[in-house]
C-alpha atoms as a PDB file:
ATOM      1  CA  MET A   1       0.000   0.000   0.000  1.00  0.00           C
ATOM      2  CA  VAL A   2       1.287   3.447  -0.918  1.00  0.00           C
ATOM      3  CA  SER A   3       1.020   6.267   1.585  1.00  0.00           C
ATOM      4  CA  ILE A   4       1.851   9.979   1.401  1.00  0.00           C
ATOM      5  CA  LEU A   5       5.023  10.801   3.346  1.00  0.00           C
ATOM      6  CA  ASN A   6       4.952  14.547   2.863  1.00  0.00           C
ATOM      7  CA  THR A   7       3.442  17.339   0.804  1.00  0.00           C
ATOM      8  CA  VAL A   8       5.178  20.467  -0.441  1.00  0.00           C
ATOM      9  CA  ASP A   9       3.403  23.800  -0.665  1.00  0.00           C
ATOM     10  CA  THR A  10       5.232  25.312  -3.640  1.00  0.00           C
ATOM     11  CA  SER A  11       3.210  28.551  -3.840  1.00  0.00           C
ATOM     12  CA  HIS A  12       3.297  28.289  -7.628  1.00  0.00           C
ATOM     13  CA  GLU A  13       0.612  30.455  -9.193  1.00  0.00           C
ATOM     14  CA  ASP A  14      -0.328  28.015 -11.959  1.00  0.00           C
ATOM     15  CA  MET A  15      -0.163  24.349 -12.918  1.00  0.00           C
ATOM     16  CA  ILE A  16       2.990  22.435 -11.899  1.00  0.00           C
ATOM     17  CA  HIS A  17       4.393  20.407 -14.795  1.00  0.00           C
ATOM     18  CA  ASP A  18       7.408  18.680 -13.266  1.00  0.00           C
ATOM     19  CA  ALA A  19       9.090  17.986  -9.926  1.00  0.00           C
ATOM     20  CA  GLN A  20      12.530  16.383  -9.566  1.00  0.00           C
ATOM     21  CA  LEU A  21      14.659  15.479  -6.557  1.00  0.00           C
ATOM     22  CA  ASP A  22      18.426  15.892  -6.832  1.00  0.00           C
ATOM     23  CA  TYR A  23      20.986  13.074  -6.604  1.00  0.00           C
ATOM     24  CA  TYR A  24      20.931  13.069  -2.794  1.00  0.00           C
ATOM     25  CA  GLY A  25      17.168  13.452  -2.456  1.00  0.00           C
ATOM     26  CA  THR A  26      17.472  16.574  -0.307  1.00  0.00           C
ATOM     27  CA  ARG A  27      16.579  19.226  -2.877  1.00  0.00           C
ATOM     28  CA  LEU A  28      13.407  19.430  -4.928  1.00  0.00           C
ATOM     29  CA  ALA A  29      13.065  21.423  -8.151  1.00  0.00           C
ATOM     30  CA  THR A  30       9.603  22.290  -9.496  1.00  0.00           C
ATOM     31  CA  CYS A  31       8.445  24.136 -12.601  1.00  0.00           C
ATOM     32  CA  SER A  32       5.134  25.653 -13.579  1.00  0.00           C
ATOM     33  CA  SER A  33       3.042  27.493 -16.127  1.00  0.00           C
ATOM     34  CA  ASP A  34       3.687  30.581 -14.003  1.00  0.00           C
ATOM     35  CA  ARG A  35       7.083  30.691 -15.822  1.00  0.00           C
ATOM     36  CA  SER A  36       9.106  29.998 -12.699  1.00  0.00           C
ATOM     37  CA  VAL A  37      11.427  27.295 -11.412  1.00  0.00           C
ATOM     38  CA  LYS A  38      11.611  26.803  -7.655  1.00  0.00           C
ATOM     39  CA  ILE A  39      14.134  24.908  -5.575  1.00  0.00           C
ATOM     40  CA  PHE A  40      13.347  23.627  -2.088  1.00  0.00           C
ATOM     41  CA  GLU A  41      15.447  21.982   0.574  1.00  0.00           C
ATOM     42  CA  VAL A  42      13.436  19.011   1.848  1.00  0.00           C
ATOM     43  CA  LYS A  43      14.599  17.509   5.128  1.00  0.00           C
ATOM     44  CA  ASN A  44      12.952  16.137   8.252  1.00  0.00           C
ATOM     45  CA  ASN A  45       9.451  16.380   6.762  1.00  0.00           C
ATOM     46  CA  ALA A  46       9.893  20.096   6.168  1.00  0.00           C
ATOM     47  CA  GLN A  47      10.622  22.217   3.125  1.00  0.00           C
ATOM     48  CA  THR A  48      12.474  25.492   2.735  1.00  0.00           C
ATOM     49  CA  LEU A  49      12.389  27.587  -0.434  1.00  0.00           C
ATOM     50  CA  ILE A  50      15.992  28.381  -1.354  1.00  0.00           C
ATOM     51  CA  ALA A  51      15.571  29.729  -4.897  1.00  0.00           C
ATOM     52  CA  ASP A  52      12.846  31.192  -7.119  1.00  0.00           C
ATOM     53  CA  LEU A  53      14.307  31.279 -10.632  1.00  0.00           C
ATOM     54  CA  ARG A  54      12.784  33.632 -13.195  1.00  0.00           C
ATOM     55  CA  GLY A  55      14.367  33.366 -16.617  1.00  0.00           C
ATOM     56  CA  HIS A  56      11.666  31.992 -18.901  1.00  0.00           C
ATOM     57  CA  GLU A  57       8.993  33.855 -20.835  1.00  0.00           C
ATOM     58  CA  GLY A  58       6.522  30.986 -21.041  1.00  0.00           C
ATOM     59  CA  PRO A  59       5.376  27.859 -19.187  1.00  0.00           C
ATOM     60  CA  VAL A  60       8.257  25.674 -17.985  1.00  0.00           C
ATOM     61  CA  TRP A  61       7.603  22.040 -18.835  1.00  0.00           C
ATOM     62  CA  GLU A  62      10.505  20.111 -17.380  1.00  0.00           C
ATOM     63  CA  VAL A  63      13.545  20.309 -15.093  1.00  0.00           C
ATOM     64  CA  ALA A  64      16.558  18.008 -14.758  1.00  0.00           C
ATOM     65  CA  TRP A  65      19.443  17.808 -12.260  1.00  0.00           C
ATOM     66  CA  ALA A  66      22.991  17.136 -13.431  1.00  0.00           C
ATOM     67  CA  HIS A  67      25.223  14.707 -11.547  1.00  0.00           C
ATOM     68  CA  PRO A  68      26.768  16.426  -8.488  1.00  0.00           C
ATOM     69  CA  MET A  69      30.313  15.818  -9.749  1.00  0.00           C
ATOM     70  CA  PHE A  70      29.638  18.827 -12.020  1.00  0.00           C
ATOM     71  CA  GLY A  71      28.375  20.985  -9.147  1.00  0.00           C
ATOM     72  CA  ASN A  72      24.793  22.029  -8.474  1.00  0.00           C
ATOM     73  CA  LEU A  73      23.397  22.344 -11.999  1.00  0.00           C
ATOM     74  CA  LEU A  74      19.750  22.355 -13.051  1.00  0.00           C
ATOM     75  CA  ALA A  75      18.345  22.515 -16.589  1.00  0.00           C
ATOM     76  CA  SER A  76      14.874  23.798 -17.457  1.00  0.00           C
ATOM     77  CA  ALA A  77      12.896  23.522 -20.708  1.00  0.00           C
ATOM     78  CA  SER A  78      10.141  25.934 -21.688  1.00  0.00           C
ATOM     79  CA  TYR A  79       7.439  26.851 -24.164  1.00  0.00           C
ATOM     80  CA  ASP A  80       9.476  30.009 -24.857  1.00  0.00           C
ATOM     81  CA  ARG A  81      11.794  27.847 -27.057  1.00  0.00           C
ATOM     82  CA  LYS A  82      14.646  28.112 -24.580  1.00  0.00           C
ATOM     83  CA  VAL A  83      16.698  25.816 -22.407  1.00  0.00           C
ATOM     84  CA  VAL A  84      18.265  27.445 -19.358  1.00  0.00           C
ATOM     85  CA  ILE A  85      21.053  25.887 -17.306  1.00  0.00           C
ATOM     86  CA  TRP A  86      21.201  27.210 -13.744  1.00  0.00           C
ATOM     87  CA  LYS A  87      24.183  26.916 -11.387  1.00  0.00           C
ATOM     88  CA  GLU A  88      24.512  27.429  -7.642  1.00  0.00           C
ATOM     89  CA  ILE A  89      27.651  29.263  -6.522  1.00  0.00           C
ATOM     90  CA  ASN A  90      28.168  30.140  -2.856  1.00  0.00           C
ATOM     91  CA  GLY A  91      24.497  29.570  -2.095  1.00  0.00           C
ATOM     92  CA  THR A  92      23.188  31.745  -4.942  1.00  0.00           C
ATOM     93  CA  TRP A  93      21.529  30.394  -8.090  1.00  0.00           C
ATOM     94  CA  ASN A  94      22.221  32.171 -11.377  1.00  0.00           C
ATOM     95  CA  LYS A  95      21.770  31.526 -15.078  1.00  0.00           C
ATOM     96  CA  LEU A  96      24.891  29.754 -16.379  1.00  0.00           C
ATOM     97  CA  TYR A  97      23.888  29.233 -20.005  1.00  0.00           C
ATOM     98  CA  GLU A  98      20.884  29.842 -22.236  1.00  0.00           C
ATOM     99  CA  TYR A  99      20.246  27.876 -25.401  1.00  0.00           C
ATOM    100  CA  ALA A 100      17.719  29.458 -27.774  1.00  0.00           C
ATOM    101  CA  ASN A 101      18.264  27.656 -31.078  1.00  0.00           C
ATOM    102  CA  HIS A 102      14.876  25.936 -31.338  1.00  0.00           C
ATOM    103  CA  ASP A 103      11.955  27.249 -33.377  1.00  0.00           C
ATOM    104  CA  SER A 104       9.224  25.989 -31.060  1.00  0.00           C
ATOM    105  CA  SER A 105       8.565  24.791 -27.519  1.00  0.00           C
ATOM    106  CA  VAL A 106      11.311  22.746 -25.830  1.00  0.00           C
ATOM    107  CA  ASN A 107       9.445  19.895 -24.189  1.00  0.00           C
ATOM    108  CA  SER A 108      12.062  17.699 -22.572  1.00  0.00           C
ATOM    109  CA  VAL A 109      15.611  17.820 -21.210  1.00  0.00           C
ATOM    110  CA  SER A 110      17.802  15.011 -19.897  1.00  0.00           C
ATOM    111  CA  TRP A 111      21.373  14.945 -18.565  1.00  0.00           C
ATOM    112  CA  ALA A 112      23.653  12.161 -19.740  1.00  0.00           C
ATOM    113  CA  PRO A 113      25.222   9.698 -17.276  1.00  0.00           C
ATOM    114  CA  HIS A 114      28.257  11.391 -15.721  1.00  0.00           C
ATOM    115  CA  GLU A 115      30.568   8.863 -17.383  1.00  0.00           C
ATOM    116  CA  TYR A 116      29.735  10.509 -20.731  1.00  0.00           C
ATOM    117  CA  GLY A 117      30.677  13.988 -19.498  1.00  0.00           C
ATOM    118  CA  LEU A 118      28.546  17.096 -19.033  1.00  0.00           C
ATOM    119  CA  ILE A 119      26.007  16.558 -21.826  1.00  0.00           C
ATOM    120  CA  LEU A 120      22.363  17.632 -22.066  1.00  0.00           C
ATOM    121  CA  VAL A 121      19.859  16.454 -24.684  1.00  0.00           C
ATOM    122  CA  CYS A 122      16.788  18.564 -25.525  1.00  0.00           C
ATOM    123  CA  GLY A 123      13.657  17.637 -27.510  1.00  0.00           C
ATOM    124  CA  SER A 124      11.488  20.266 -29.197  1.00  0.00           C
ATOM    125  CA  SER A 125       8.120  20.691 -30.907  1.00  0.00           C
ATOM    126  CA  ASP A 126      10.015  21.916 -33.980  1.00  0.00           C
ATOM    127  CA  GLY A 127      10.862  18.237 -34.604  1.00  0.00           C
ATOM    128  CA  SER A 128      14.552  18.549 -33.812  1.00  0.00           C
ATOM    129  CA  ILE A 129      16.766  17.346 -30.962  1.00  0.00           C
ATOM    130  CA  SER A 130      19.740  19.317 -29.658  1.00  0.00           C
ATOM    131  CA  VAL A 131      22.714  17.900 -27.763  1.00  0.00           C
ATOM    132  CA  LEU A 132      24.697  20.374 -25.634  1.00  0.00           C
ATOM    133  CA  TYR A 133      28.253  19.572 -24.568  1.00  0.00           C
ATOM    134  CA  GLY A 134      29.736  21.465 -21.609  1.00  0.00           C
ATOM    135  CA  SER A 135      33.511  21.909 -21.325  1.00  0.00           C
ATOM    136  CA  ALA A 136      35.828  22.658 -18.417  1.00  0.00           C
ATOM    137  CA  ASP A 137      36.419  26.228 -19.606  1.00  0.00           C
ATOM    138  CA  GLY A 138      32.710  27.035 -19.324  1.00  0.00           C
ATOM    139  CA  THR A 139      31.923  26.997 -23.049  1.00  0.00           C
ATOM    140  CA  TRP A 140      29.202  24.919 -24.669  1.00  0.00           C
ATOM    141  CA  ASP A 141      29.238  23.092 -27.998  1.00  0.00           C
ATOM    142  CA  THR A 142      25.941  22.159 -29.645  1.00  0.00           C
ATOM    143  CA  ARG A 143      24.906  19.590 -32.214  1.00  0.00           C
ATOM    144  CA  LYS A 144      21.427  19.460 -33.672  1.00  0.00           C
ATOM    145  CA  ILE A 145      19.486  16.538 -35.144  1.00  0.00           C
ATOM    146  CA  GLY A 146      17.095  18.108 -37.619  1.00  0.00           C
ATOM    147  CA  GLY A 147      13.843  16.346 -38.472  1.00  0.00           C
ATOM    148  CA  ALA A 148      14.241  13.817 -35.681  1.00  0.00           C
ATOM    149  CA  HIS A 149      10.447  13.537 -35.309  1.00  0.00           C
ATOM    150  CA  THR A 150       7.888  14.998 -37.687  1.00  0.00           C
ATOM    151  CA  ILE A 151       5.466  17.397 -35.951  1.00  0.00           C
ATOM    152  CA  GLY A 152       7.570  17.351 -32.779  1.00  0.00           C
ATOM    153  CA  CYS A 153       9.660  15.573 -30.135  1.00  0.00           C
ATOM    154  CA  ASN A 154       8.003  15.152 -26.740  1.00  0.00           C
ATOM    155  CA  ALA A 155      10.524  13.238 -24.628  1.00  0.00           C
ATOM    156  CA  VAL A 156      14.168  12.198 -24.399  1.00  0.00           C
ATOM    157  CA  SER A 157      16.038   9.819 -22.062  1.00  0.00           C
ATOM    158  CA  TRP A 158      19.663   8.638 -21.941  1.00  0.00           C
ATOM    159  CA  ALA A 159      20.825   5.052 -22.012  1.00  0.00           C
ATOM    160  CA  PRO A 160      22.884   3.978 -18.995  1.00  0.00           C
ATOM    161  CA  ALA A 161      26.654   4.173 -19.470  1.00  0.00           C
ATOM    162  CA  THR A 162      27.773   0.944 -21.112  1.00  0.00           C
ATOM    163  CA  ALA A 163      31.433   0.219 -21.833  1.00  0.00           C
ATOM    164  CA  VAL A 164      32.369  -1.220 -25.207  1.00  0.00           C
ATOM    165  CA  GLY A 165      32.897  -4.978 -24.836  1.00  0.00           C
ATOM    166  CA  ALA A 166      31.433  -5.185 -21.318  1.00  0.00           C
ATOM    167  CA  THR A 167      30.261  -8.670 -20.351  1.00  0.00           C
ATOM    168  CA  LEU A 168      27.732  -9.907 -17.824  1.00  0.00           C
ATOM    169  CA  ASP A 169      30.392 -10.246 -15.116  1.00  0.00           C
ATOM    170  CA  GLY A 170      32.023  -6.960 -16.137  1.00  0.00           C
ATOM    171  CA  ALA A 171      35.454  -8.561 -16.516  1.00  0.00           C
ATOM    172  CA  SER A 172      36.435  -7.093 -19.869  1.00  0.00           C
ATOM    173  CA  ALA A 173      35.207  -3.647 -18.876  1.00  0.00           C
ATOM    174  CA  PHE A 174      37.715  -3.495 -16.011  1.00  0.00           C
ATOM    175  CA  THR A 175      40.718  -5.048 -17.738  1.00  0.00           C
ATOM    176  CA  THR A 176      40.797  -2.543 -20.605  1.00  0.00           C
ATOM    177  CA  PRO A 177      40.394   1.263 -20.707  1.00  0.00           C
ATOM    178  CA  ARG A 178      36.702   2.143 -20.857  1.00  0.00           C
ATOM    179  CA  GLN A 179      35.173   3.485 -24.040  1.00  0.00           C
ATOM    180  CA  TYR A 180      31.504   4.312 -23.778  1.00  0.00           C
ATOM    181  CA  ILE A 181      28.794   4.071 -26.400  1.00  0.00           C
ATOM    182  CA  ARG A 182      26.566   7.131 -26.117  1.00  0.00           C
ATOM    183  CA  ARG A 183      22.898   6.470 -26.816  1.00  0.00           C
ATOM    184  CA  PHE A 184      19.566   8.069 -25.980  1.00  0.00           C
ATOM    185  CA  VAL A 185      15.933   7.389 -26.813  1.00  0.00           C
ATOM    186  CA  SER A 186      13.292   9.860 -27.996  1.00  0.00           C
ATOM    187  CA  GLY A 187       9.525   9.832 -28.449  1.00  0.00           C
ATOM    188  CA  GLY A 188       7.521  12.045 -30.771  1.00  0.00           C
ATOM    189  CA  CYS A 189       4.295  13.165 -32.368  1.00  0.00           C
ATOM    190  CA  ASP A 190       4.971  10.811 -35.291  1.00  0.00           C
ATOM    191  CA  ASN A 191       3.963   7.904 -32.977  1.00  0.00           C
ATOM    192  CA  LEU A 192       7.573   6.680 -33.027  1.00  0.00           C
ATOM    193  CA  VAL A 193      10.204   5.803 -30.466  1.00  0.00           C
ATOM    194  CA  LYS A 194      13.725   6.247 -31.818  1.00  0.00           C
ATOM    195  CA  ILE A 195      17.127   5.226 -30.496  1.00  0.00           C
ATOM    196  CA  TRP A 196      20.055   7.487 -31.374  1.00  0.00           C
ATOM    197  CA  LYS A 197      23.749   6.594 -31.306  1.00  0.00           C
ATOM    198  CA  GLU A 198      26.791   8.850 -31.512  1.00  0.00           C
ATOM    199  CA  VAL A 199      29.150   7.798 -34.308  1.00  0.00           C
ATOM    200  CA  ASP A 200      32.315   9.815 -34.964  1.00  0.00           C
ATOM    201  CA  GLY A 201      30.832  12.866 -33.278  1.00  0.00           C
ATOM    202  CA  GLN A 202      27.535  12.698 -35.197  1.00  0.00           C
ATOM    203  CA  TRP A 203      24.174  11.420 -34.000  1.00  0.00           C
ATOM    204  CA  VAL A 204      22.545   8.781 -36.196  1.00  0.00           C
ATOM    205  CA  GLU A 205      19.252   6.930 -35.903  1.00  0.00           C
ATOM    206  CA  GLU A 206      20.021   3.381 -34.775  1.00  0.00           C
ATOM    207  CA  TYR A 207      16.534   1.925 -34.313  1.00  0.00           C
ATOM    208  CA  LYS A 208      12.953   2.947 -34.979  1.00  0.00           C
ATOM    209  CA  LEU A 209      10.270   1.366 -32.787  1.00  0.00           C
ATOM    210  CA  GLU A 210       6.748   1.415 -34.240  1.00  0.00           C
ATOM    211  CA  ALA A 211       4.485   0.152 -31.466  1.00  0.00           C
ATOM    212  CA  HIS A 212       2.203   3.139 -30.835  1.00  0.00           C
ATOM    213  CA  SER A 213      -0.820   4.411 -32.760  1.00  0.00           C
ATOM    214  CA  ASP A 214      -0.767   7.955 -31.346  1.00  0.00           C
ATOM    215  CA  TRP A 215       1.694  10.548 -30.034  1.00  0.00           C
ATOM    216  CA  VAL A 216       4.415   9.187 -27.766  1.00  0.00           C
ATOM    217  CA  ARG A 217       4.313  11.367 -24.663  1.00  0.00           C
ATOM    218  CA  ASP A 218       7.214   9.983 -22.613  1.00  0.00           C
ATOM    219  CA  VAL A 219      10.132   7.563 -22.778  1.00  0.00           C
ATOM    220  CA  ALA A 220      12.480   6.201 -20.105  1.00  0.00           C
ATOM    221  CA  TRP A 221      15.564   4.005 -20.470  1.00  0.00           C
ATOM    222  CA  ALA A 222      15.900   1.667 -17.476  1.00  0.00           C
ATOM    223  CA  PRO A 223      19.226   1.191 -15.648  1.00  0.00           C
ATOM    224  CA  SER A 224      20.913  -1.973 -16.909  1.00  0.00           C
ATOM    225  CA  VAL A 225      23.198  -2.665 -13.913  1.00  0.00           C
ATOM    226  CA  GLY A 226      25.689  -4.253 -16.308  1.00  0.00           C
ATOM    227  CA  LEU A 227      23.235  -6.687 -17.873  1.00  0.00           C
ATOM    228  CA  PRO A 228      23.639  -7.331 -21.623  1.00  0.00           C
ATOM    229  CA  ASN A 229      20.138  -6.129 -22.490  1.00  0.00           C
ATOM    230  CA  SER A 230      18.201  -2.866 -22.458  1.00  0.00           C
ATOM    231  CA  VAL A 231      14.682  -2.006 -21.338  1.00  0.00           C
ATOM    232  CA  ILE A 232      12.870   1.084 -22.574  1.00  0.00           C
ATOM    233  CA  ALA A 233       9.431   2.179 -21.391  1.00  0.00           C
ATOM    234  CA  SER A 234       7.244   4.416 -23.547  1.00  0.00           C
ATOM    235  CA  CYS A 235       3.756   5.779 -23.148  1.00  0.00           C
ATOM    236  CA  SER A 236       1.332   7.177 -25.682  1.00  0.00           C
ATOM    237  CA  GLN A 237      -1.776   9.291 -25.773  1.00  0.00           C
ATOM    238  CA  VAL A 238      -4.558   6.971 -26.874  1.00  0.00           C
ATOM    239  CA  TYR A 239      -8.238   7.827 -26.693  1.00  0.00           C
ATOM    240  CA  TYR A 240     -10.662   5.051 -25.851  1.00  0.00           C
ATOM    241  CA  PRO A 241     -14.298   6.173 -26.299  1.00  0.00           C
END
């Protein structure tokens, strides 16, 4: 039986679209149609608002925490066609980077496993997917997959970090230097789920999964824990009269 452990009064002024706990489960980020992103410290059945971030000009659909090895970083995706990356420095949250190279709403953002580096993938209603690469000097490189999904991309999710040649017992992965295969999955308004793979610095479509009869609203790639198989969950909007 599932029971409610705690509730959080966010004081958002409109619908909340996403809520994500950080790596340690002590900070909660929320986003809303009121164009704001809020960050709360949640401990001992209590919450404390520590940041109210105002940098978007439209509803904010999704937020995502980066791995803490990169510091306290949070990405937000909005109807205003922008992705904003926020960073906490000395207790203060500020805008670190703004990406505004989409022609329509950005619906989903997802940070790559930390083994891949500081990489963020973004899916947009303009049908394209952008991949943002952060570097140690604070600059960002971007690569765009045009026409990834006709009508629009609704969701993106990274594959777990898998070393080339890894076996079930992990032996080969630890006896040779690790080289990772970067992959992510996307879902779109074309009723398709697609798997993308990075090859020589370019993203190519590896698989196309045609199991839905309506828009794919969300996708999630399950952790593999070293197993030689992958599990992807997808959900679709289907109307049953």
